[in-house]
Protein backbone atom coordinates (compact mmCIF):
# COMPACT_ATOMS: atom_id res chain seq x y z
CA MET A 1 61.63 126.64 119.21
CA ASN A 2 64.39 124.62 120.63
CA SER A 3 62.65 121.47 121.49
CA PRO A 4 64.23 118.06 120.85
CA SER A 5 62.59 117.20 117.88
CA ASN A 6 64.11 120.50 116.04
CA LYS A 7 67.59 119.84 117.51
CA LYS A 8 67.12 115.94 115.92
CA ARG A 9 65.43 117.73 112.77
CA ILE A 10 68.15 119.61 112.47
CA LEU A 11 71.10 117.33 113.37
CA SER A 12 69.13 114.55 110.54
CA ILE A 13 69.28 117.44 107.87
CA ALA A 14 73.04 117.85 108.07
CA ILE A 15 73.93 114.59 108.87
CA ALA A 16 72.07 114.21 105.16
CA LEU A 17 73.74 117.29 103.61
CA MET A 18 77.30 115.71 104.36
CA PHE A 19 76.01 112.53 102.64
CA LEU A 20 75.16 114.40 99.69
CA ASN A 21 77.71 116.51 99.42
CA ALA A 22 80.34 113.47 99.53
CA CYS A 23 78.22 111.85 96.71
CA THR A 24 79.05 115.18 94.64
CA LYS A 25 82.56 115.07 94.84
CA GLU A 26 84.56 113.92 91.76
CA VAL A 27 86.28 110.60 92.18
CA THR A 28 89.95 109.88 90.18
CA PRO A 29 90.02 106.48 89.27
CA GLN A 30 93.27 104.72 90.86
CA THR A 31 95.39 102.43 89.24
CA LEU A 32 95.30 99.01 91.19
CA ALA A 33 98.98 97.46 91.35
CA GLY A 34 99.01 94.48 88.99
CA SER A 35 96.16 95.85 86.25
CA ASP A 36 98.56 96.34 83.38
CA LYS A 37 98.27 93.02 81.78
CA ASP A 38 99.25 93.23 78.11
CA THR A 39 97.41 91.62 75.26
CA HIS A 40 98.91 88.34 76.51
CA GLY A 41 97.95 88.68 80.18
CA CYS A 42 101.45 89.35 80.96
CA ILE A 43 101.87 91.63 84.17
CA GLY A 44 104.59 94.55 83.07
CA SER A 45 104.84 95.63 86.57
CA ALA A 46 105.67 92.29 87.82
CA GLY A 47 108.30 91.73 85.33
CA TYR A 48 106.43 89.49 83.24
CA LEU A 49 106.77 89.76 79.46
CA TRP A 50 105.11 87.28 76.62
CA CYS A 51 107.68 84.60 75.31
CA ALA A 52 106.48 82.91 72.02
CA LYS A 53 108.99 80.54 72.25
CA GLU A 54 107.92 79.48 75.68
CA ASN A 55 104.51 80.40 75.08
CA VAL A 56 103.93 81.89 78.40
CA CYS A 57 104.55 85.29 80.23
CA VAL A 58 107.86 84.81 81.60
CA ARG A 59 110.67 86.98 83.79
CA PRO A 60 113.91 87.45 81.52
CA TRP A 61 115.81 87.27 84.71
CA GLU A 62 114.46 83.91 85.28
CA LEU A 63 114.19 82.61 81.93
CA ALA A 64 117.87 83.48 81.37
CA LYS A 65 118.70 81.57 84.50
CA ASP A 66 116.84 78.65 83.54
CA LYS A 67 117.51 78.45 80.01
CA GLY A 68 121.44 79.54 80.27
CA PHE A 69 121.85 82.75 78.42
CA GLU A 70 122.40 86.06 79.46
CA ASN A 71 119.98 88.64 81.10
CA THR A 72 120.09 91.14 78.11
CA GLU A 73 117.31 92.57 76.24
CA GLY A 74 119.02 91.13 72.90
CA ASP A 75 119.19 87.79 74.45
CA VAL A 76 115.61 87.55 75.65
CA LYS A 77 114.46 89.02 72.47
CA LYS A 78 116.66 86.77 70.51
CA TYR A 79 115.33 83.57 72.53
CA CYS A 80 111.68 84.55 72.67
CA GLY A 81 111.00 86.34 69.45
CA ARG A 82 110.34 89.51 68.04
CA ALA A 83 107.03 90.20 70.25
CA SER A 84 108.78 90.10 73.59
CA LYS A 85 108.57 93.70 75.04
CA LEU A 86 111.11 94.94 78.04
CA LYS A 87 110.62 98.29 79.67
CA ASP A 88 113.19 101.07 79.66
């Protein structure tokens, strides 16, 4: 009864059951960093927003510095247009 072939068979069945059990676990999808692109392809979690005037994704603080205005929501919206969205 406890021959080597029976032990191998039991071990093989145990391993197969472990793999099958792992396949039945529900996997919850995780949000990958940088996967939060808006309709223009701007990645909000990296600080980017769409600027219609520049026609590219920009970081508001960099844009404000480059163009010489204050980095406020109002000034960025005034420069880029109403389509720009800043996170609260």
